Structures are given as structure tokens and as C-alpha cells.
PDB file of N, CA and C in Angstrom:
ATOM      1  N   MET A   1      25.109   1.630  12.810  1.00  0.00           N
ATOM      2  CA  MET A   1      24.434   2.115  11.631  1.00  0.00           C
ATOM      3  C   MET A   1      23.121   2.791  12.014  1.00  0.00           C
ATOM      4  N   ALA A   2      23.169   3.664  12.945  1.00  0.00           N
ATOM      5  CA  ALA A   2      21.977   4.354  13.439  1.00  0.00           C
ATOM      6  C   ALA A   2      21.374   5.234  12.361  1.00  0.00           C
ATOM      7  N   GLY A   3      20.051   5.244  12.294  1.00  0.00           N
ATOM      8  CA  GLY A   3      19.355   6.098  11.361  1.00  0.00           C
ATOM      9  C   GLY A   3      19.057   5.457  10.017  1.00  0.00           C
ATOM     10  N   SER A   4      19.756   4.370   9.658  1.00  0.00           N
ATOM     11  CA  SER A   4      19.468   3.741   8.377  1.00  0.00           C
ATOM     12  C   SER A   4      18.402   2.663   8.569  1.00  0.00           C
ATOM     13  N   PRO A   5      17.523   2.520   7.574  1.00  0.00           N
ATOM     14  CA  PRO A   5      16.423   1.570   7.734  1.00  0.00           C
ATOM     15  C   PRO A   5      16.901   0.127   7.734  1.00  0.00           C
ATOM     16  N   LYS A   6      16.282  -0.698   8.582  1.00  0.00           N
ATOM     17  CA  LYS A   6      16.584  -2.121   8.606  1.00  0.00           C
ATOM     18  C   LYS A   6      15.754  -2.843   7.554  1.00  0.00           C
ATOM     19  N   HIS A   7      14.612  -2.287   7.224  1.00  0.00           N
ATOM     20  CA  HIS A   7      13.724  -2.830   6.208  1.00  0.00           C
ATOM     21  C   HIS A   7      13.283  -1.699   5.299  1.00  0.00           C
ATOM     22  N   GLU A   8      12.749  -2.062   4.156  1.00  0.00           N
ATOM     23  CA  GLU A   8      12.316  -1.009   3.244  1.00  0.00           C
ATOM     24  C   GLU A   8      11.122  -0.257   3.802  1.00  0.00           C
ATOM     25  N   PRO A   9      10.963   0.995   3.407  1.00  0.00           N
ATOM     26  CA  PRO A   9       9.847   1.804   3.903  1.00  0.00           C
ATOM     27  C   PRO A   9       8.501   1.275   3.419  1.00  0.00           C
ATOM     28  N   MET A  10       7.479   1.628   4.156  1.00  0.00           N
ATOM     29  CA  MET A  10       6.111   1.283   3.778  1.00  0.00           C
ATOM     30  C   MET A  10       5.576   2.368   2.848  1.00  0.00           C
ATOM     31  N   VAL A  11       4.574   2.010   2.074  1.00  0.00           N
ATOM     32  CA  VAL A  11       3.847   2.972   1.251  1.00  0.00           C
ATOM     33  C   VAL A  11       2.361   2.797   1.508  1.00  0.00           C
ATOM     34  N   MET A  12       1.622   3.864   1.288  1.00  0.00           N
ATOM     35  CA  MET A  12       0.176   3.865   1.465  1.00  0.00           C
ATOM     36  C   MET A  12      -0.468   3.467   0.140  1.00  0.00           C
ATOM     37  N   VAL A  13      -1.372   2.496   0.178  1.00  0.00           N
ATOM     38  CA  VAL A  13      -2.116   2.093  -1.015  1.00  0.00           C
ATOM     39  C   VAL A  13      -3.452   2.831  -0.984  1.00  0.00           C
ATOM     40  N   LYS A  14      -3.592   3.813  -1.861  1.00  0.00           N
ATOM     41  CA  LYS A  14      -4.736   4.714  -1.808  1.00  0.00           C
ATOM     42  C   LYS A  14      -6.076   4.001  -1.948  1.00  0.00           C
ATOM     43  N   GLU A  15      -6.125   2.896  -2.683  1.00  0.00           N
ATOM     44  CA  GLU A  15      -7.385   2.176  -2.862  1.00  0.00           C
ATOM     45  C   GLU A  15      -7.884   1.522  -1.574  1.00  0.00           C
ATOM     46  N   TYR A  16      -6.980   1.228  -0.643  1.00  0.00           N
ATOM     47  CA  TYR A  16      -7.360   0.552   0.595  1.00  0.00           C
ATOM     48  C   TYR A  16      -7.368   1.461   1.823  1.00  0.00           C
ATOM     49  N   CYS A  17      -6.680   2.587   1.749  1.00  0.00           N
ATOM     50  CA  CYS A  17      -6.601   3.482   2.906  1.00  0.00           C
ATOM     51  C   CYS A  17      -7.960   4.137   3.169  1.00  0.00           C
ATOM     52  N   ILE A  18      -8.419   4.054   4.411  1.00  0.00           N
ATOM     53  CA  ILE A  18      -9.697   4.677   4.785  1.00  0.00           C
ATOM     54  C   ILE A  18      -9.480   6.002   5.525  1.00  0.00           C
ATOM     55  N   GLU A  19      -8.241   6.465   5.565  1.00  0.00           N
ATOM     56  CA  GLU A  19      -7.861   7.734   6.196  1.00  0.00           C
ATOM     57  C   GLU A  19      -8.302   7.872   7.649  1.00  0.00           C
ATOM     58  N   CYS A  20      -8.186   6.804   8.395  1.00  0.00           N
ATOM     59  CA  CYS A  20      -8.546   6.855   9.817  1.00  0.00           C
ATOM     60  C   CYS A  20      -7.424   7.460  10.657  1.00  0.00           C
ATOM     61  N   ALA A  21      -6.196   7.481  10.125  1.00  0.00           N
ATOM     62  CA  ALA A  21      -5.008   8.061  10.760  1.00  0.00           C
ATOM     63  C   ALA A  21      -4.473   7.258  11.948  1.00  0.00           C
ATOM     64  N   VAL A  22      -4.887   6.020  12.102  1.00  0.00           N
ATOM     65  CA  VAL A  22      -4.311   5.183  13.154  1.00  0.00           C
ATOM     66  C   VAL A  22      -2.812   5.014  12.912  1.00  0.00           C
ATOM     67  N   CYS A  23      -2.420   4.836  11.664  1.00  0.00           N
ATOM     68  CA  CYS A  23      -1.000   4.675  11.336  1.00  0.00           C
ATOM     69  C   CYS A  23      -0.190   5.888  11.783  1.00  0.00           C
ATOM     70  N   ARG A  24      -0.751   7.041  11.622  1.00  0.00           N
ATOM     71  CA  ARG A  24      -0.071   8.282  12.027  1.00  0.00           C
ATOM     72  C   ARG A  24       0.135   8.319  13.540  1.00  0.00           C
ATOM     73  N   GLU A  25      -0.857   7.858  14.270  1.00  0.00           N
ATOM     74  CA  GLU A  25      -0.781   7.873  15.727  1.00  0.00           C
ATOM     75  C   GLU A  25       0.230   6.875  16.285  1.00  0.00           C
ATOM     76  N   VAL A  26       0.402   5.723  15.636  1.00  0.00           N
ATOM     77  CA  VAL A  26       1.266   4.679  16.191  1.00  0.00           C
ATOM     78  C   VAL A  26       2.680   4.680  15.619  1.00  0.00           C
ATOM     79  N   CYS A  27       2.954   5.487  14.613  1.00  0.00           N
ATOM     80  CA  CYS A  27       4.288   5.498  14.010  1.00  0.00           C
ATOM     81  C   CYS A  27       5.316   6.099  14.965  1.00  0.00           C
ATOM     82  N   PRO A  28       6.342   5.325  15.342  1.00  0.00           N
ATOM     83  CA  PRO A  28       7.353   5.842  16.271  1.00  0.00           C
ATOM     84  C   PRO A  28       8.312   6.848  15.627  1.00  0.00           C
ATOM     85  N   TYR A  29       8.279   6.970  14.301  1.00  0.00           N
ATOM     86  CA  TYR A  29       9.180   7.873  13.593  1.00  0.00           C
ATOM     87  C   TYR A  29       8.459   9.070  12.979  1.00  0.00           C
ATOM     88  N   THR A  30       7.206   9.246  13.300  1.00  0.00           N
ATOM     89  CA  THR A  30       6.353  10.294  12.716  1.00  0.00           C
ATOM     90  C   THR A  30       6.532  10.372  11.198  1.00  0.00           C
ATOM     91  N   ALA A  31       6.492   9.205  10.570  1.00  0.00           N
ATOM     92  CA  ALA A  31       6.695   9.126   9.125  1.00  0.00           C
ATOM     93  C   ALA A  31       5.400   9.247   8.336  1.00  0.00           C
ATOM     94  N   VAL A  32       4.258   9.206   9.007  1.00  0.00           N
ATOM     95  CA  VAL A  32       2.969   9.328   8.319  1.00  0.00           C
ATOM     96  C   VAL A  32       2.444  10.739   8.549  1.00  0.00           C
ATOM     97  N   PHE A  33       2.076  11.394   7.467  1.00  0.00           N
ATOM     98  CA  PHE A  33       1.637  12.780   7.589  1.00  0.00           C
ATOM     99  C   PHE A  33       0.415  13.043   6.719  1.00  0.00           C
ATOM    100  N   PHE A  34      -0.286  14.123   7.024  1.00  0.00           N
ATOM    101  CA  PHE A  34      -1.455  14.542   6.261  1.00  0.00           C
ATOM    102  C   PHE A  34      -1.026  15.416   5.095  1.00  0.00           C
ATOM    103  N   ILE A  35      -1.710  15.271   3.964  1.00  0.00           N
ATOM    104  CA  ILE A  35      -1.520  16.177   2.843  1.00  0.00           C
ATOM    105  C   ILE A  35      -2.899  16.634   2.372  1.00  0.00           C
ATOM    106  N   PRO A  36      -3.010  17.866   1.966  1.00  0.00           N
ATOM    107  CA  PRO A  36      -4.303  18.322   1.443  1.00  0.00           C
ATOM    108  C   PRO A  36      -4.494  17.835   0.011  1.00  0.00           C
ATOM    109  N   THR A  37      -5.706  17.451  -0.318  1.00  0.00           N
ATOM    110  CA  THR A  37      -6.069  17.118  -1.687  1.00  0.00           C
ATOM    111  C   THR A  37      -7.234  18.026  -2.067  1.00  0.00           C
ATOM    112  N   LYS A  38      -7.745  17.857  -3.245  1.00  0.00           N
ATOM    113  CA  LYS A  38      -8.827  18.740  -3.689  1.00  0.00           C
ATOM    114  C   LYS A  38     -10.063  18.626  -2.807  1.00  0.00           C
ATOM    115  N   TRP A  39     -10.405  17.414  -2.365  1.00  0.00           N
ATOM    116  CA  TRP A  39     -11.660  17.212  -1.653  1.00  0.00           C
ATOM    117  C   TRP A  39     -11.509  16.816  -0.196  1.00  0.00           C
ATOM    118  N   LYS A  40     -10.337  16.390   0.223  1.00  0.00           N
ATOM    119  CA  LYS A  40     -10.172  15.912   1.594  1.00  0.00           C
ATOM    120  C   LYS A  40      -8.702  15.933   1.985  1.00  0.00           C
ATOM    121  N   ILE A  41      -8.438  15.469   3.159  1.00  0.00           N
ATOM    122  CA  ILE A  41      -7.066  15.299   3.628  1.00  0.00           C
ATOM    123  C   ILE A  41      -6.690  13.835   3.423  1.00  0.00           C
ATOM    124  N   ALA A  42      -5.525  13.583   2.849  1.00  0.00           N
ATOM    125  CA  ALA A  42      -5.052  12.220   2.636  1.00  0.00           C
ATOM    126  C   ALA A  42      -3.832  11.971   3.514  1.00  0.00           C
ATOM    127  N   LEU A  43      -3.461  10.722   3.649  1.00  0.00           N
ATOM    128  CA  LEU A  43      -2.280  10.337   4.419  1.00  0.00           C
ATOM    129  C   LEU A  43      -1.188   9.842   3.480  1.00  0.00           C
ATOM    130  N   GLN A  44       0.059  10.135   3.818  1.00  0.00           N
ATOM    131  CA  GLN A  44       1.201   9.645   3.065  1.00  0.00           C
ATOM    132  C   GLN A  44       2.295   9.210   4.024  1.00  0.00           C
ATOM    133  N   VAL A  45       3.176   8.355   3.514  1.00  0.00           N
ATOM    134  CA  VAL A  45       4.327   7.899   4.293  1.00  0.00           C
ATOM    135  C   VAL A  45       5.567   8.587   3.741  1.00  0.00           C
ATOM    136  N   ASP A  46       6.297   9.250   4.606  1.00  0.00           N
ATOM    137  CA  ASP A  46       7.560   9.891   4.233  1.00  0.00           C
ATOM    138  C   ASP A  46       8.610   8.793   4.094  1.00  0.00           C
ATOM    139  N   GLN A  47       9.073   8.567   2.880  1.00  0.00           N
ATOM    140  CA  GLN A  47      10.020   7.485   2.607  1.00  0.00           C
ATOM    141  C   GLN A  47      11.384   7.703   3.257  1.00  0.00           C
ATOM    142  N   VAL A  48      11.697   8.931   3.612  1.00  0.00           N
ATOM    143  CA  VAL A  48      12.970   9.217   4.276  1.00  0.00           C
ATOM    144  C   VAL A  48      12.889   8.846   5.756  1.00  0.00           C
ATOM    145  N   ARG A  49      11.783   9.152   6.398  1.00  0.00           N
ATOM    146  CA  ARG A  49      11.621   8.874   7.831  1.00  0.00           C
ATOM    147  C   ARG A  49      11.263   7.424   8.132  1.00  0.00           C
ATOM    148  N   CYS A  50      10.523   6.787   7.244  1.00  0.00           N
ATOM    149  CA  CYS A  50      10.044   5.424   7.501  1.00  0.00           C
ATOM    150  C   CYS A  50      11.206   4.437   7.474  1.00  0.00           C
ATOM    151  N   THR A  51      11.319   3.643   8.528  1.00  0.00           N
ATOM    152  CA  THR A  51      12.380   2.635   8.612  1.00  0.00           C
ATOM    153  C   THR A  51      11.861   1.232   8.351  1.00  0.00           C
ATOM    154  N   GLY A  52      10.580   1.075   8.160  1.00  0.00           N
ATOM    155  CA  GLY A  52       9.998  -0.245   7.954  1.00  0.00           C
ATOM    156  C   GLY A  52       9.724  -0.996   9.239  1.00  0.00           C
ATOM    157  N   CYS A  53      10.294  -0.562  10.347  1.00  0.00           N
ATOM    158  CA  CYS A  53      10.053  -1.133  11.688  1.00  0.00           C
ATOM    159  C   CYS A  53      10.121  -2.653  11.750  1.00  0.00           C
ATOM    160  N   GLY A  54      11.059  -3.235  11.046  1.00  0.00           N
ATOM    161  CA  GLY A  54      11.207  -4.685  11.131  1.00  0.00           C
ATOM    162  C   GLY A  54      10.352  -5.452  10.144  1.00  0.00           C
ATOM    163  N   GLY A  55       9.804  -4.784   9.173  1.00  0.00           N
ATOM    164  CA  GLY A  55       8.982  -5.438   8.161  1.00  0.00           C
ATOM    165  C   GLY A  55       7.509  -5.386   8.510  1.00  0.00           C
ATOM    166  N   PRO A  56       6.650  -5.736   7.553  1.00  0.00           N
ATOM    167  CA  PRO A  56       5.205  -5.598   7.752  1.00  0.00           C
ATOM    168  C   PRO A  56       4.647  -6.423   8.911  1.00  0.00           C
ATOM    169  N   GLU A  57       5.309  -7.508   9.251  1.00  0.00           N
ATOM    170  CA  GLU A  57       4.809  -8.316  10.371  1.00  0.00           C
ATOM    171  C   GLU A  57       5.072  -7.683  11.731  1.00  0.00           C
ATOM    172  N   HIS A  58       5.907  -6.636  11.779  1.00  0.00           N
ATOM    173  CA  HIS A  58       6.229  -5.965  13.044  1.00  0.00           C
ATOM    174  C   HIS A  58       5.878  -4.480  13.065  1.00  0.00           C
ATOM    175  N   ALA A  59       5.703  -3.867  11.915  1.00  0.00           N
ATOM    176  CA  ALA A  59       5.477  -2.424  11.845  1.00  0.00           C
ATOM    177  C   ALA A  59       4.148  -2.043  12.501  1.00  0.00           C
ATOM    178  N   PRO A  60       4.169  -1.129  13.474  1.00  0.00           N
ATOM    179  CA  PRO A  60       2.929  -0.727  14.144  1.00  0.00           C
ATOM    180  C   PRO A  60       1.873  -0.199  13.182  1.00  0.00           C
ATOM    181  N   CYS A  61       2.296   0.532  12.150  1.00  0.00           N
ATOM    182  CA  CYS A  61       1.317   1.083  11.210  1.00  0.00           C
ATOM    183  C   CYS A  61       0.525  -0.021  10.523  1.00  0.00           C
ATOM    184  N   VAL A  62       1.191  -1.106  10.180  1.00  0.00           N
ATOM    185  CA  VAL A  62       0.516  -2.238   9.529  1.00  0.00           C
ATOM    186  C   VAL A  62      -0.301  -3.025  10.544  1.00  0.00           C
ATOM    187  N   GLN A  63       0.267  -3.250  11.715  1.00  0.00           N
ATOM    188  CA  GLN A  63      -0.398  -4.071  12.727  1.00  0.00           C
ATOM    189  C   GLN A  63      -1.695  -3.459  13.247  1.00  0.00           C
ATOM    190  N   PHE A  64      -1.740  -2.138  13.369  1.00  0.00           N
ATOM    191  CA  PHE A  64      -2.920  -1.479  13.925  1.00  0.00           C
ATOM    192  C   PHE A  64      -3.890  -0.961  12.867  1.00  0.00           C
ATOM    193  N   CYS A  65      -3.512  -1.023  11.611  1.00  0.00           N
ATOM    194  CA  CYS A  65      -4.371  -0.524  10.537  1.00  0.00           C
ATOM    195  C   CYS A  65      -5.625  -1.391  10.407  1.00  0.00           C
ATOM    196  N   PRO A  66      -6.819  -0.776  10.436  1.00  0.00           N
ATOM    197  CA  PRO A  66      -8.050  -1.551  10.318  1.00  0.00           C
ATOM    198  C   PRO A  66      -8.384  -1.943   8.873  1.00  0.00           C
ATOM    199  N   SER A  67      -7.593  -1.466   7.914  1.00  0.00           N
ATOM    200  CA  SER A  67      -7.855  -1.748   6.506  1.00  0.00           C
ATOM    201  C   SER A  67      -6.712  -2.579   5.923  1.00  0.00           C
ATOM    202  N   PRO A  68      -6.867  -3.897   5.854  1.00  0.00           N
ATOM    203  CA  PRO A  68      -5.792  -4.755   5.346  1.00  0.00           C
ATOM    204  C   PRO A  68      -5.334  -4.341   3.944  1.00  0.00           C
ATOM    205  N   GLY A  69      -4.030  -4.274   3.787  1.00  0.00           N
ATOM    206  CA  GLY A  69      -3.454  -3.924   2.493  1.00  0.00           C
ATOM    207  C   GLY A  69      -3.232  -2.443   2.273  1.00  0.00           C
ATOM    208  N   ALA A  70      -3.585  -1.606   3.233  1.00  0.00           N
ATOM    209  CA  ALA A  70      -3.413  -0.159   3.060  1.00  0.00           C
ATOM    210  C   ALA A  70      -1.959   0.275   3.176  1.00  0.00           C
ATOM    211  N   LEU A  71      -1.162  -0.450   3.938  1.00  0.00           N
ATOM    212  CA  LEU A  71       0.268  -0.153   4.082  1.00  0.00           C
ATOM    213  C   LEU A  71       1.052  -1.405   3.722  1.00  0.00           C
ATOM    214  N   VAL A  72       1.948  -1.260   2.749  1.00  0.00           N
ATOM    215  CA  VAL A  72       2.745  -2.392   2.281  1.00  0.00           C
ATOM    216  C   VAL A  72       4.176  -1.936   2.025  1.00  0.00           C
ATOM    217  N   PRO A  73       5.131  -2.873   1.974  1.00  0.00           N
ATOM    218  CA  PRO A  73       6.503  -2.489   1.618  1.00  0.00           C
ATOM    219  C   PRO A  73       6.533  -1.868   0.225  1.00  0.00           C
ATOM    220  N   ALA A  74       7.400  -0.901   0.045  1.00  0.00           N
ATOM    221  CA  ALA A  74       7.453  -0.128  -1.199  1.00  0.00           C
ATOM    222  C   ALA A  74       7.636  -0.993  -2.440  1.00  0.00           C
ATOM    223  N   SER A  75       8.410  -2.045  -2.358  1.00  0.00           N
ATOM    224  CA  SER A  75       8.693  -2.856  -3.549  1.00  0.00           C
ATOM    225  C   SER A  75       7.549  -3.788  -3.935  1.00  0.00           C
ATOM    226  N   SER A  76       6.523  -3.898  -3.098  1.00  0.00           N
ATOM    227  CA  SER A  76       5.479  -4.883  -3.361  1.00  0.00           C
ATOM    228  C   SER A  76       4.338  -4.396  -4.240  1.00  0.00           C
ATOM    229  N   LEU A  77       4.403  -3.165  -4.721  1.00  0.00           N
ATOM    230  CA  LEU A  77       3.346  -2.683  -5.595  1.00  0.00           C
ATOM    231  C   LEU A  77       3.875  -1.754  -6.655  1.00  0.00           C
ATOM    232  N   SER A  78       3.064  -1.528  -7.666  1.00  0.00           N
ATOM    233  CA  SER A  78       3.461  -0.636  -8.748  1.00  0.00           C
ATOM    234  C   SER A  78       3.351   0.812  -8.268  1.00  0.00           C
ATOM    235  N   PRO A  79       4.142   1.713  -8.833  1.00  0.00           N
ATOM    236  CA  PRO A  79       4.093   3.119  -8.416  1.00  0.00           C
ATOM    237  C   PRO A  79       2.710   3.747  -8.573  1.00  0.00           C
ATOM    238  N   ALA A  80       1.927   3.310  -9.537  1.00  0.00           N
ATOM    239  CA  ALA A  80       0.599   3.890  -9.754  1.00  0.00           C
ATOM    240  C   ALA A  80      -0.350   3.602  -8.593  1.00  0.00           C
ATOM    241  N   MET A  81      -0.117   2.499  -7.858  1.00  0.00           N
ATOM    242  CA  MET A  81      -0.996   2.148  -6.741  1.00  0.00           C
ATOM    243  C   MET A  81      -0.695   2.923  -5.479  1.00  0.00           C
ATOM    244  N   ALA A  82       0.517   3.387  -5.329  1.00  0.00           N
ATOM    245  CA  ALA A  82       0.916   4.081  -4.110  1.00  0.00           C
ATOM    246  C   ALA A  82       0.537   5.551  -4.176  1.00  0.00           C
ATOM    247  N   VAL A  83       0.242   6.119  -3.015  1.00  0.00           N
ATOM    248  CA  VAL A  83       0.044   7.558  -2.917  1.00  0.00           C
ATOM    249  C   VAL A  83       1.419   8.182  -3.058  1.00  0.00           C
ATOM    250  N   ALA A  84       1.542   9.195  -3.878  1.00  0.00           N
ATOM    251  CA  ALA A  84       2.823   9.870  -4.053  1.00  0.00           C
ATOM    252  C   ALA A  84       3.344  10.306  -2.702  1.00  0.00           C
ATOM    253  N   SER A  85       4.646  10.253  -2.510  1.00  0.00           N
ATOM    254  CA  SER A  85       5.189  10.504  -1.193  1.00  0.00           C
ATOM    255  C   SER A  85       6.298  11.556  -1.196  1.00  0.00           C
ATOM    256  N   PRO A  86       5.937  12.830  -1.310  1.00  0.00           N
ATOM    257  CA  PRO A  86       6.951  13.863  -1.144  1.00  0.00           C
ATOM    258  C   PRO A  86       7.304  13.980   0.332  1.00  0.00           C
ATOM    259  N   SER A  87       8.376  14.652   0.623  1.00  0.00           N
ATOM    260  CA  SER A  87       8.692  14.872   2.021  1.00  0.00           C
ATOM    261  C   SER A  87       7.684  15.875   2.592  1.00  0.00           C
ATOM    262  N   PRO A  88       7.439  15.867   3.906  1.00  0.00           N
ATOM    263  CA  PRO A  88       6.492  16.805   4.499  1.00  0.00           C
ATOM    264  C   PRO A  88       6.860  18.266   4.213  1.00  0.00           C
ATOM    265  N   ALA A  89       8.132  18.568   4.133  1.00  0.00           N
ATOM    266  CA  ALA A  89       8.538  19.948   3.892  1.00  0.00           C
ATOM    267  C   ALA A  89       8.076  20.420   2.519  1.00  0.00           C
ATOM    268  N   SER A  90       8.178  19.545   1.500  1.00  0.00           N
ATOM    269  CA  SER A  90       7.744  19.965   0.174  1.00  0.00           C
ATOM    270  C   SER A  90       6.233  20.018   0.079  1.00  0.00           C
ATOM    271  N   ALA A  91       5.527  19.206   0.864  1.00  0.00           N
ATOM    272  CA  ALA A  91       4.060  19.234   0.850  1.00  0.00           C
ATOM    273  C   ALA A  91       3.540  20.537   1.478  1.00  0.00           C
ATOM    274  N   VAL A  92       4.249  21.068   2.462  1.00  0.00           N
ATOM    275  CA  VAL A  92       3.820  22.302   3.121  1.00  0.00           C
ATOM    276  C   VAL A  92       3.932  23.476   2.166  1.00  0.00           C
ATOM    277  N   GLY A  93       4.993  23.505   1.367  1.00  0.00           N
ATOM    278  CA  GLY A  93       5.214  24.613   0.454  1.00  0.00           C
ATOM    279  C   GLY A  93       4.330  24.565  -0.784  1.00  0.00           C
ATOM    280  N   ALA A  94       3.663  23.432  -1.014  1.00  0.00           N
ATOM    281  CA  ALA A  94       2.856  23.270  -2.243  1.00  0.00           C
ATOM    282  C   ALA A  94       1.525  23.971  -2.126  1.00  0.00           C
TER     283      ALA A  94
END
């Protein structure tokens, strides 16, 4: 079953993310990407690429993140708390 996630994807919690981009550097699937916003660059997790890496206790993005609670499994929060997550291709065309 190659390519299918073993755990649910992570999502970025905008209230806790400090945009340090450590998650982007350590992600083995390049699932974290930059998106432009009105005032700065934000980070998002591509839900298609993210495999969850064995859950939050094993995922490098969660383990190396200096801001606790910035990356969590998708089902653990309300949609309003998560940064919207389009695919990188749609973010480039926007």
C-alpha cells in the first residue's frame, strides 16, 4: 500500500505557528510549503502529501517544532483553527 498515509495528515494551527519553517526543513515528504498572505509569508501543510509520519509522537514536523500545538492531526481541531490547505499548485496560480 505504498503512497497511502498510515496516519492522518497534520494541519497547521495558525494561532500557534511562529513561521520559523523548521517543519518545512524536516518534512521527508515536502508537505509543508510557503504561501503568500497580505502581510507576510505563511506556512501550510499539503494534505495530499502529508502522511502523518506515524502520528504526532513520531512526525518530525511536530517533534522539531519550537511552538507546541502548531502542528496537530487534522481531526483534532475545528476547521476555523487550521490554516486553509490548498495544494501547492493551486497556491502558485492564485
